Amino acid sequence: PTASPTQPGNPLPTASFTPSVVANGLGLIPNWQVPALSTDPL
């Protein structure tokens, strides 16, 4: 078995916080959640 490649342009995983647009921020809030460790071979 081989590790699944990252799909180009995939959105980041579902966030654990609610995105919001702040005037002095960038206004683009990535949705971050650290994925589980894969069991694929090195």
PDB file of all heavy atoms in Angstrom:
ATOM      1  N   PRO A   1       0.838  -1.205   0.000  1.00  0.00           N
ATOM      2  CA  PRO A   1       0.000   0.000   0.000  1.00  0.00           C
ATOM      3  C   PRO A   1       0.863   1.242   0.000  1.00  0.00           C
ATOM      4  O   PRO A   1       1.966   1.240   0.522  1.00  0.00           O
ATOM      5  CB  PRO A   1      -0.803  -0.121   1.309  1.00  0.00           C
ATOM      6  CG  PRO A   1       0.029  -1.009   2.175  1.00  0.00           C
ATOM      7  CD  PRO A   1       0.727  -1.956   1.238  1.00  0.00           C
ATOM      8  N   THR A   2       0.403   2.305  -0.603  1.00  0.00           N
ATOM      9  CA  THR A   2       1.116   3.581  -0.645  1.00  0.00           C
ATOM     10  C   THR A   2       0.272   4.661  -0.021  1.00  0.00           C
ATOM     11  O   THR A   2      -0.947   4.587   0.023  1.00  0.00           O
ATOM     12  CB  THR A   2       1.447   3.978  -2.094  1.00  0.00           C
ATOM     13  OG1 THR A   2       0.232   4.006  -2.855  1.00  0.00           O
ATOM     14  CG2 THR A   2       2.402   2.980  -2.727  1.00  0.00           C
ATOM     15  N   ALA A   3       0.946   5.724   0.461  1.00  0.00           N
ATOM     16  CA  ALA A   3       0.237   6.828   1.102  1.00  0.00           C
ATOM     17  C   ALA A   3      -0.557   7.603   0.073  1.00  0.00           C
ATOM     18  O   ALA A   3      -0.123   7.807  -1.047  1.00  0.00           O
ATOM     19  CB  ALA A   3       1.247   7.752   1.792  1.00  0.00           C
ATOM     20  N   SER A   4      -1.757   8.014   0.467  1.00  0.00           N
ATOM     21  CA  SER A   4      -2.601   8.785  -0.438  1.00  0.00           C
ATOM     22  C   SER A   4      -2.020  10.168  -0.626  1.00  0.00           C
ATOM     23  O   SER A   4      -1.669  10.831   0.337  1.00  0.00           O
ATOM     24  CB  SER A   4      -4.009   8.905   0.154  1.00  0.00           C
ATOM     25  OG  SER A   4      -4.559   7.621   0.337  1.00  0.00           O
ATOM     26  N   PRO A   5      -1.887  10.618  -1.885  1.00  0.00           N
ATOM     27  CA  PRO A   5      -1.334  11.958  -2.105  1.00  0.00           C
ATOM     28  C   PRO A   5      -2.314  13.036  -1.695  1.00  0.00           C
ATOM     29  O   PRO A   5      -3.514  12.828  -1.663  1.00  0.00           O
ATOM     30  CB  PRO A   5      -1.090  11.980  -3.622  1.00  0.00           C
ATOM     31  CG  PRO A   5      -2.095  11.010  -4.166  1.00  0.00           C
ATOM     32  CD  PRO A   5      -2.230   9.932  -3.123  1.00  0.00           C
ATOM     33  N   THR A   6      -1.787  14.196  -1.358  1.00  0.00           N
ATOM     34  CA  THR A   6      -2.623  15.338  -1.047  1.00  0.00           C
ATOM     35  C   THR A   6      -3.335  15.794  -2.313  1.00  0.00           C
ATOM     36  O   THR A   6      -2.728  15.933  -3.358  1.00  0.00           O
ATOM     37  CB  THR A   6      -1.760  16.488  -0.511  1.00  0.00           C
ATOM     38  OG1 THR A   6      -1.053  16.000   0.618  1.00  0.00           O
ATOM     39  CG2 THR A   6      -2.597  17.672  -0.114  1.00  0.00           C
ATOM     40  N   GLN A   7      -4.609  16.036  -2.213  1.00  0.00           N
ATOM     41  CA  GLN A   7      -5.363  16.495  -3.360  1.00  0.00           C
ATOM     42  C   GLN A   7      -5.161  17.986  -3.545  1.00  0.00           C
ATOM     43  O   GLN A   7      -5.395  18.762  -2.625  1.00  0.00           O
ATOM     44  CB  GLN A   7      -6.860  16.197  -3.145  1.00  0.00           C
ATOM     45  CG  GLN A   7      -7.186  14.701  -3.085  1.00  0.00           C
ATOM     46  CD  GLN A   7      -6.820  13.998  -4.375  1.00  0.00           C
ATOM     47  OE1 GLN A   7      -7.040  14.530  -5.457  1.00  0.00           O
ATOM     48  NE2 GLN A   7      -6.243  12.810  -4.272  1.00  0.00           N
ATOM     49  N   PRO A   8      -4.726  18.431  -4.725  1.00  0.00           N
ATOM     50  CA  PRO A   8      -4.499  19.861  -4.950  1.00  0.00           C
ATOM     51  C   PRO A   8      -5.765  20.667  -4.720  1.00  0.00           C
ATOM     52  O   PRO A   8      -6.861  20.283  -5.132  1.00  0.00           O
ATOM     53  CB  PRO A   8      -4.067  19.914  -6.427  1.00  0.00           C
ATOM     54  CG  PRO A   8      -3.569  18.536  -6.722  1.00  0.00           C
ATOM     55  CD  PRO A   8      -4.392  17.614  -5.882  1.00  0.00           C
ATOM     56  N   GLY A   9      -5.594  21.789  -4.020  1.00  0.00           N
ATOM     57  CA  GLY A   9      -6.697  22.726  -3.843  1.00  0.00           C
ATOM     58  C   GLY A   9      -7.725  22.298  -2.817  1.00  0.00           C
ATOM     59  O   GLY A   9      -8.772  22.924  -2.699  1.00  0.00           O
ATOM     60  N   ASN A  10      -7.464  21.177  -2.088  1.00  0.00           N
ATOM     61  CA  ASN A  10      -8.426  20.768  -1.081  1.00  0.00           C
ATOM     62  C   ASN A  10      -8.600  21.847  -0.024  1.00  0.00           C
ATOM     63  O   ASN A  10      -7.628  22.440   0.430  1.00  0.00           O
ATOM     64  CB  ASN A  10      -7.951  19.485  -0.379  1.00  0.00           C
ATOM     65  CG  ASN A  10      -8.454  18.245  -1.088  1.00  0.00           C
ATOM     66  OD1 ASN A  10      -9.110  18.342  -2.118  1.00  0.00           O
ATOM     67  ND2 ASN A  10      -8.134  17.089  -0.542  1.00  0.00           N
ATOM     68  N   PRO A  11      -9.818  22.096   0.419  1.00  0.00           N
ATOM     69  CA  PRO A  11      -9.992  22.999   1.567  1.00  0.00           C
ATOM     70  C   PRO A  11      -9.438  22.340   2.807  1.00  0.00           C
ATOM     71  O   PRO A  11      -9.378  21.107   2.897  1.00  0.00           O
ATOM     72  CB  PRO A  11     -11.507  23.179   1.653  1.00  0.00           C
ATOM     73  CG  PRO A  11     -12.065  21.956   1.005  1.00  0.00           C
ATOM     74  CD  PRO A  11     -11.092  21.585  -0.074  1.00  0.00           C
ATOM     75  N   LEU A  12      -9.030  23.156   3.768  1.00  0.00           N
ATOM     76  CA  LEU A  12      -8.527  22.597   5.013  1.00  0.00           C
ATOM     77  C   LEU A  12      -9.681  21.995   5.796  1.00  0.00           C
ATOM     78  O   LEU A  12     -10.839  22.358   5.593  1.00  0.00           O
ATOM     79  CB  LEU A  12      -7.833  23.698   5.815  1.00  0.00           C
ATOM     80  CG  LEU A  12      -6.569  24.206   5.148  1.00  0.00           C
ATOM     81  CD1 LEU A  12      -6.076  25.454   5.832  1.00  0.00           C
ATOM     82  CD2 LEU A  12      -5.489  23.157   5.156  1.00  0.00           C
ATOM     83  N   PRO A  13      -9.398  21.041   6.706  1.00  0.00           N
ATOM     84  CA  PRO A  13     -10.459  20.350   7.421  1.00  0.00           C
ATOM     85  C   PRO A  13     -11.361  21.293   8.216  1.00  0.00           C
ATOM     86  O   PRO A  13     -11.017  22.447   8.471  1.00  0.00           O
ATOM     87  CB  PRO A  13      -9.682  19.406   8.356  1.00  0.00           C
ATOM     88  CG  PRO A  13      -8.367  19.235   7.708  1.00  0.00           C
ATOM     89  CD  PRO A  13      -8.088  20.527   7.009  1.00  0.00           C
ATOM     90  N   THR A  14     -12.487  20.763   8.673  1.00  0.00           N
ATOM     91  CA  THR A  14     -13.485  21.561   9.387  1.00  0.00           C
ATOM     92  C   THR A  14     -12.896  22.176  10.643  1.00  0.00           C
ATOM     93  O   THR A  14     -12.187  21.532  11.392  1.00  0.00           O
ATOM     94  CB  THR A  14     -14.675  20.664   9.770  1.00  0.00           C
ATOM     95  OG1 THR A  14     -15.183  20.072   8.584  1.00  0.00           O
ATOM     96  CG2 THR A  14     -15.764  21.487  10.446  1.00  0.00           C
ATOM     97  N   ALA A  15     -13.210  23.426  10.882  1.00  0.00           N
ATOM     98  CA  ALA A  15     -12.634  24.160  12.002  1.00  0.00           C
ATOM     99  C   ALA A  15     -13.329  23.807  13.299  1.00  0.00           C
ATOM    100  O   ALA A  15     -14.484  23.406  13.326  1.00  0.00           O
ATOM    101  CB  ALA A  15     -12.767  25.656  11.768  1.00  0.00           C
ATOM    102  N   SER A  16     -12.603  23.975  14.399  1.00  0.00           N
ATOM    103  CA  SER A  16     -13.191  23.825  15.728  1.00  0.00           C
ATOM    104  C   SER A  16     -13.620  25.171  16.286  1.00  0.00           C
ATOM    105  O   SER A  16     -13.994  25.258  17.435  1.00  0.00           O
ATOM    106  CB  SER A  16     -12.178  23.156  16.661  1.00  0.00           C
ATOM    107  OG  SER A  16     -10.995  23.926  16.725  1.00  0.00           O
ATOM    108  N   PHE A  17     -13.510  26.227  15.498  1.00  0.00           N
ATOM    109  CA  PHE A  17     -13.963  27.546  15.922  1.00  0.00           C
ATOM    110  C   PHE A  17     -14.785  28.147  14.791  1.00  0.00           C
ATOM    111  O   PHE A  17     -14.735  27.702  13.660  1.00  0.00           O
ATOM    112  CB  PHE A  17     -12.771  28.453  16.268  1.00  0.00           C
ATOM    113  CG  PHE A  17     -11.866  28.730  15.112  1.00  0.00           C
ATOM    114  CD1 PHE A  17     -12.023  29.860  14.324  1.00  0.00           C
ATOM    115  CD2 PHE A  17     -10.856  27.839  14.784  1.00  0.00           C
ATOM    116  CE1 PHE A  17     -11.199  30.092  13.251  1.00  0.00           C
ATOM    117  CE2 PHE A  17     -10.026  28.073  13.709  1.00  0.00           C
ATOM    118  CZ  PHE A  17     -10.197  29.195  12.942  1.00  0.00           C
ATOM    119  N   THR A  18     -15.547  29.174  15.113  1.00  0.00           N
ATOM    120  CA  THR A  18     -16.406  29.801  14.121  1.00  0.00           C
ATOM    121  C   THR A  18     -15.647  30.885  13.393  1.00  0.00           C
ATOM    122  O   THR A  18     -15.173  31.833  14.021  1.00  0.00           O
ATOM    123  CB  THR A  18     -17.648  30.418  14.793  1.00  0.00           C
ATOM    124  OG1 THR A  18     -18.326  29.378  15.500  1.00  0.00           O
ATOM    125  CG2 THR A  18     -18.574  31.029  13.750  1.00  0.00           C
ATOM    126  N   PRO A  19     -15.494  30.785  12.055  1.00  0.00           N
ATOM    127  CA  PRO A  19     -14.789  31.829  11.313  1.00  0.00           C
ATOM    128  C   PRO A  19     -15.519  33.157  11.414  1.00  0.00           C
ATOM    129  O   PRO A  19     -16.736  33.216  11.501  1.00  0.00           O
ATOM    130  CB  PRO A  19     -14.801  31.296   9.875  1.00  0.00           C
ATOM    131  CG  PRO A  19     -15.038  29.831  10.001  1.00  0.00           C
ATOM    132  CD  PRO A  19     -15.904  29.681  11.204  1.00  0.00           C
ATOM    133  N   SER A  20     -14.755  34.228  11.424  1.00  0.00           N
ATOM    134  CA  SER A  20     -15.343  35.558  11.445  1.00  0.00           C
ATOM    135  C   SER A  20     -14.444  36.485  10.661  1.00  0.00           C
ATOM    136  O   SER A  20     -13.265  36.249  10.524  1.00  0.00           O
ATOM    137  CB  SER A  20     -15.504  36.063  12.884  1.00  0.00           C
ATOM    138  OG  SER A  20     -14.240  36.155  13.509  1.00  0.00           O
ATOM    139  N   VAL A  21     -15.009  37.567  10.141  1.00  0.00           N
ATOM    140  CA  VAL A  21     -14.248  38.552   9.382  1.00  0.00           C
ATOM    141  C   VAL A  21     -14.016  39.754  10.275  1.00  0.00           C
ATOM    142  O   VAL A  21     -14.949  40.344  10.797  1.00  0.00           O
ATOM    143  CB  VAL A  21     -14.994  38.966   8.107  1.00  0.00           C
ATOM    144  CG1 VAL A  21     -14.235  40.049   7.377  1.00  0.00           C
ATOM    145  CG2 VAL A  21     -15.184  37.747   7.206  1.00  0.00           C
ATOM    146  N   VAL A  22     -12.759  40.097  10.483  1.00  0.00           N
ATOM    147  CA  VAL A  22     -12.394  41.220  11.331  1.00  0.00           C
ATOM    148  C   VAL A  22     -11.807  42.314  10.453  1.00  0.00           C
ATOM    149  O   VAL A  22     -11.028  42.043   9.541  1.00  0.00           O
ATOM    150  CB  VAL A  22     -11.362  40.784  12.401  1.00  0.00           C
ATOM    151  CG1 VAL A  22     -10.979  41.963  13.285  1.00  0.00           C
ATOM    152  CG2 VAL A  22     -11.961  39.663  13.244  1.00  0.00           C
ATOM    153  N   ALA A  23     -12.170  43.547  10.725  1.00  0.00           N
ATOM    154  CA  ALA A  23     -11.800  44.644   9.832  1.00  0.00           C
ATOM    155  C   ALA A  23     -10.306  44.750   9.636  1.00  0.00           C
ATOM    156  O   ALA A  23      -9.821  45.000   8.536  1.00  0.00           O
ATOM    157  CB  ALA A  23     -12.356  45.959  10.372  1.00  0.00           C
ATOM    158  N   ASN A  24      -9.531  44.575  10.712  1.00  0.00           N
ATOM    159  CA  ASN A  24      -8.089  44.730  10.571  1.00  0.00           C
ATOM    160  C   ASN A  24      -7.386  43.395  10.329  1.00  0.00           C
ATOM    161  O   ASN A  24      -6.179  43.320  10.352  1.00  0.00           O
ATOM    162  CB  ASN A  24      -7.498  45.404  11.818  1.00  0.00           C
ATOM    163  CG  ASN A  24      -7.662  44.542  13.061  1.00  0.00           C
ATOM    164  OD1 ASN A  24      -8.539  43.701  13.101  1.00  0.00           O
ATOM    165  ND2 ASN A  24      -6.834  44.760  14.058  1.00  0.00           N
ATOM    166  N   GLY A  25      -8.149  42.340  10.079  1.00  0.00           N
ATOM    167  CA  GLY A  25      -7.552  41.064   9.744  1.00  0.00           C
ATOM    168  C   GLY A  25      -7.538  40.885   8.237  1.00  0.00           C
ATOM    169  O   GLY A  25      -7.869  41.796   7.483  1.00  0.00           O
ATOM    170  N   LEU A  26      -7.190  39.688   7.816  1.00  0.00           N
ATOM    171  CA  LEU A  26      -7.146  39.434   6.380  1.00  0.00           C
ATOM    172  C   LEU A  26      -8.535  39.172   5.810  1.00  0.00           C
ATOM    173  O   LEU A  26      -8.748  39.262   4.619  1.00  0.00           O
ATOM    174  CB  LEU A  26      -6.242  38.232   6.091  1.00  0.00           C
ATOM    175  CG  LEU A  26      -4.760  38.445   6.374  1.00  0.00           C
ATOM    176  CD1 LEU A  26      -4.006  37.163   6.111  1.00  0.00           C
ATOM    177  CD2 LEU A  26      -4.185  39.565   5.529  1.00  0.00           C
ATOM    178  N   GLY A  27      -9.488  38.808   6.680  1.00  0.00           N
ATOM    179  CA  GLY A  27     -10.829  38.543   6.206  1.00  0.00           C
ATOM    180  C   GLY A  27     -10.980  37.180   5.563  1.00  0.00           C
ATOM    181  O   GLY A  27     -12.023  36.866   5.017  1.00  0.00           O
ATOM    182  N   LEU A  28      -9.955  36.342   5.617  1.00  0.00           N
ATOM    183  CA  LEU A  28     -10.020  34.994   5.076  1.00  0.00           C
ATOM    184  C   LEU A  28      -9.551  34.047   6.160  1.00  0.00           C
ATOM    185  O   LEU A  28      -8.383  34.052   6.527  1.00  0.00           O
ATOM    186  CB  LEU A  28      -9.131  34.851   3.834  1.00  0.00           C
ATOM    187  CG  LEU A  28      -9.554  35.683   2.618  1.00  0.00           C
ATOM    188  CD1 LEU A  28      -8.461  35.636   1.566  1.00  0.00           C
ATOM    189  CD2 LEU A  28     -10.844  35.146   2.046  1.00  0.00           C
ATOM    190  N   ILE A  29     -10.445  33.265   6.694  1.00  0.00           N
ATOM    191  CA  ILE A  29     -10.116  32.434   7.847  1.00  0.00           C
ATOM    192  C   ILE A  29     -10.061  30.974   7.421  1.00  0.00           C
ATOM    193  O   ILE A  29     -11.090  30.368   7.136  1.00  0.00           O
ATOM    194  CB  ILE A  29     -11.160  32.596   8.969  1.00  0.00           C
ATOM    195  CG1 ILE A  29     -11.435  34.075   9.221  1.00  0.00           C
ATOM    196  CG2 ILE A  29     -10.688  31.903  10.236  1.00  0.00           C
ATOM    197  CD1 ILE A  29     -10.229  34.871   9.626  1.00  0.00           C
ATOM    198  N   PRO A  30      -8.873  30.380   7.318  1.00  0.00           N
ATOM    199  CA  PRO A  30      -8.806  28.957   7.000  1.00  0.00           C
ATOM    200  C   PRO A  30      -9.465  28.130   8.092  1.00  0.00           C
ATOM    201  O   PRO A  30      -9.470  28.519   9.262  1.00  0.00           O
ATOM    202  CB  PRO A  30      -7.299  28.676   6.940  1.00  0.00           C
ATOM    203  CG  PRO A  30      -6.662  30.013   6.788  1.00  0.00           C
ATOM    204  CD  PRO A  30      -7.577  30.975   7.496  1.00  0.00           C
ATOM    205  N   ASN A  31     -10.021  26.997   7.714  1.00  0.00           N
ATOM    206  CA  ASN A  31     -10.615  26.073   8.684  1.00  0.00           C
ATOM    207  C   ASN A  31      -9.570  25.016   9.023  1.00  0.00           C
ATOM    208  O   ASN A  31      -9.237  24.186   8.196  1.00  0.00           O
ATOM    209  CB  ASN A  31     -11.860  25.417   8.083  1.00  0.00           C
ATOM    210  CG  ASN A  31     -12.963  26.416   7.844  1.00  0.00           C
ATOM    211  OD1 ASN A  31     -13.082  27.367   8.606  1.00  0.00           O
ATOM    212  ND2 ASN A  31     -13.754  26.222   6.805  1.00  0.00           N
ATOM    213  N   TRP A  32      -9.088  25.047  10.248  1.00  0.00           N
ATOM    214  CA  TRP A  32      -7.977  24.183  10.628  1.00  0.00           C
ATOM    215  C   TRP A  32      -8.410  23.153  11.644  1.00  0.00           C
ATOM    216  O   TRP A  32      -9.078  23.463  12.614  1.00  0.00           O
ATOM    217  CB  TRP A  32      -6.830  25.001  11.235  1.00  0.00           C
ATOM    218  CG  TRP A  32      -6.137  25.862  10.268  1.00  0.00           C
ATOM    219  CD1 TRP A  32      -5.837  25.576   8.969  1.00  0.00           C
ATOM    220  CD2 TRP A  32      -5.663  27.187  10.488  1.00  0.00           C
ATOM    221  NE1 TRP A  32      -5.197  26.620   8.376  1.00  0.00           N
ATOM    222  CE2 TRP A  32      -5.078  27.624   9.282  1.00  0.00           C
ATOM    223  CE3 TRP A  32      -5.661  28.035  11.567  1.00  0.00           C
ATOM    224  CZ2 TRP A  32      -4.493  28.868   9.147  1.00  0.00           C
ATOM    225  CZ3 TRP A  32      -5.087  29.277  11.440  1.00  0.00           C
ATOM    226  CH2 TRP A  32      -4.511  29.689  10.239  1.00  0.00           C
ATOM    227  N   GLN A  33      -7.982  21.937  11.419  1.00  0.00           N
ATOM    228  CA  GLN A  33      -8.101  20.885  12.411  1.00  0.00           C
ATOM    229  C   GLN A  33      -7.047  19.857  12.067  1.00  0.00           C
ATOM    230  O   GLN A  33      -6.978  19.373  10.943  1.00  0.00           O
ATOM    231  CB  GLN A  33      -9.498  20.253  12.382  1.00  0.00           C
ATOM    232  CG  GLN A  33      -9.658  19.119  13.393  1.00  0.00           C
ATOM    233  CD  GLN A  33     -11.067  18.569  13.372  1.00  0.00           C
ATOM    234  OE1 GLN A  33     -12.029  19.319  13.455  1.00  0.00           O
ATOM    235  NE2 GLN A  33     -11.205  17.276  13.239  1.00  0.00           N
ATOM    236  N   VAL A  34      -6.202  19.520  13.013  1.00  0.00           N
ATOM    237  CA  VAL A  34      -5.089  18.621  12.726  1.00  0.00           C
ATOM    238  C   VAL A  34      -5.617  17.227  12.436  1.00  0.00           C
ATOM    239  O   VAL A  34      -6.414  16.684  13.202  1.00  0.00           O
ATOM    240  CB  VAL A  34      -4.112  18.578  13.919  1.00  0.00           C
ATOM    241  CG1 VAL A  34      -3.015  17.553  13.675  1.00  0.00           C
ATOM    242  CG2 VAL A  34      -3.508  19.951  14.138  1.00  0.00           C
ATOM    243  N   PRO A  35      -5.233  16.617  11.314  1.00  0.00           N
ATOM    244  CA  PRO A  35      -5.744  15.290  10.965  1.00  0.00           C
ATOM    245  C   PRO A  35      -5.111  14.199  11.806  1.00  0.00           C
ATOM    246  O   PRO A  35      -4.062  14.394  12.426  1.00  0.00           O
ATOM    247  CB  PRO A  35      -5.336  15.142   9.500  1.00  0.00           C
ATOM    248  CG  PRO A  35      -4.121  15.986   9.374  1.00  0.00           C
ATOM    249  CD  PRO A  35      -4.330  17.152  10.310  1.00  0.00           C
ATOM    250  N   ALA A  36      -5.756  13.042  11.838  1.00  0.00           N
ATOM    251  CA  ALA A  36      -5.205  11.899  12.562  1.00  0.00           C
ATOM    252  C   ALA A  36      -3.976  11.374  11.835  1.00  0.00           C
ATOM    253  O   ALA A  36      -3.845  11.509  10.619  1.00  0.00           O
ATOM    254  CB  ALA A  36      -6.254  10.801  12.678  1.00  0.00           C
ATOM    255  N   LEU A  37      -3.072  10.761  12.599  1.00  0.00           N
ATOM    256  CA  LEU A  37      -1.845  10.215  12.014  1.00  0.00           C
ATOM    257  C   LEU A  37      -2.182   9.009  11.146  1.00  0.00           C
ATOM    258  O   LEU A  37      -2.887   8.097  11.557  1.00  0.00           O
ATOM    259  CB  LEU A  37      -0.872   9.813  13.124  1.00  0.00           C
ATOM    260  CG  LEU A  37       0.521   9.379  12.682  1.00  0.00           C
ATOM    261  CD1 LEU A  37       1.254  10.559  12.062  1.00  0.00           C
ATOM    262  CD2 LEU A  37       1.303   8.824  13.857  1.00  0.00           C
ATOM    263  N   SER A  38      -1.689   9.006   9.920  1.00  0.00           N
ATOM    264  CA  SER A  38      -1.970   7.920   8.983  1.00  0.00           C
ATOM    265  C   SER A  38      -1.165   6.684   9.367  1.00  0.00           C
ATOM    266  O   SER A  38      -0.087   6.772   9.959  1.00  0.00           O
ATOM    267  CB  SER A  38      -1.610   8.356   7.564  1.00  0.00           C
ATOM    268  OG  SER A  38      -1.671   7.260   6.684  1.00  0.00           O
ATOM    269  N   THR A  39      -1.695   5.515   9.025  1.00  0.00           N
ATOM    270  CA  THR A  39      -0.976   4.261   9.270  1.00  0.00           C
ATOM    271  C   THR A  39      -0.310   3.749   7.999  1.00  0.00           C
ATOM    272  O   THR A  39       0.204   2.641   7.971  1.00  0.00           O
ATOM    273  CB  THR A  39      -1.945   3.191   9.790  1.00  0.00           C
ATOM    274  OG1 THR A  39      -3.011   3.028   8.842  1.00  0.00           O
ATOM    275  CG2 THR A  39      -2.525   3.586  11.138  1.00  0.00           C
ATOM    276  N   ASP A  40      -0.311   4.552   6.928  1.00  0.00           N
ATOM    277  CA  ASP A  40       0.336   4.137   5.693  1.00  0.00           C
ATOM    278  C   ASP A  40       1.837   3.989   5.904  1.00  0.00           C
ATOM    279  O   ASP A  40       2.435   4.691   6.721  1.00  0.00           O
ATOM    280  CB  ASP A  40       0.083   5.167   4.587  1.00  0.00           C
ATOM    281  CG  ASP A  40      -1.373   5.171   4.136  1.00  0.00           C
ATOM    282  OD1 ASP A  40      -2.044   4.158   4.363  1.00  0.00           O
ATOM    283  OD2 ASP A  40      -1.818   6.183   3.578  1.00  0.00           O
ATOM    284  N   PRO A  41       2.481   3.076   5.170  1.00  0.00           N
ATOM    285  CA  PRO A  41       3.931   2.871   5.343  1.00  0.00           C
ATOM    286  C   PRO A  41       4.719   4.068   4.846  1.00  0.00           C
ATOM    287  O   PRO A  41       4.257   4.844   4.021  1.00  0.00           O
ATOM    288  CB  PRO A  41       4.216   1.635   4.491  1.00  0.00           C
ATOM    289  CG  PRO A  41       3.136   1.640   3.450  1.00  0.00           C
ATOM    290  CD  PRO A  41       1.916   2.183   4.139  1.00  0.00           C
ATOM    291  N   LEU A  42       5.959   4.201   5.371  1.00  0.00           N
ATOM    292  CA  LEU A  42       6.822   5.290   4.941  1.00  0.00           C
ATOM    293  C   LEU A  42       7.289   5.049   3.507  1.00  0.00           C
ATOM    294  O   LEU A  42       7.463   3.903   3.083  1.00  0.00           O
ATOM    295  CB  LEU A  42       8.034   5.393   5.864  1.00  0.00           C
ATOM    296  CG  LEU A  42       7.740   5.755   7.320  1.00  0.00           C
ATOM    297  CD1 LEU A  42       9.055   5.840   8.087  1.00  0.00           C
ATOM    298  CD2 LEU A  42       6.975   7.050   7.430  1.00  0.00           C
TER     299      LEU A  42
END
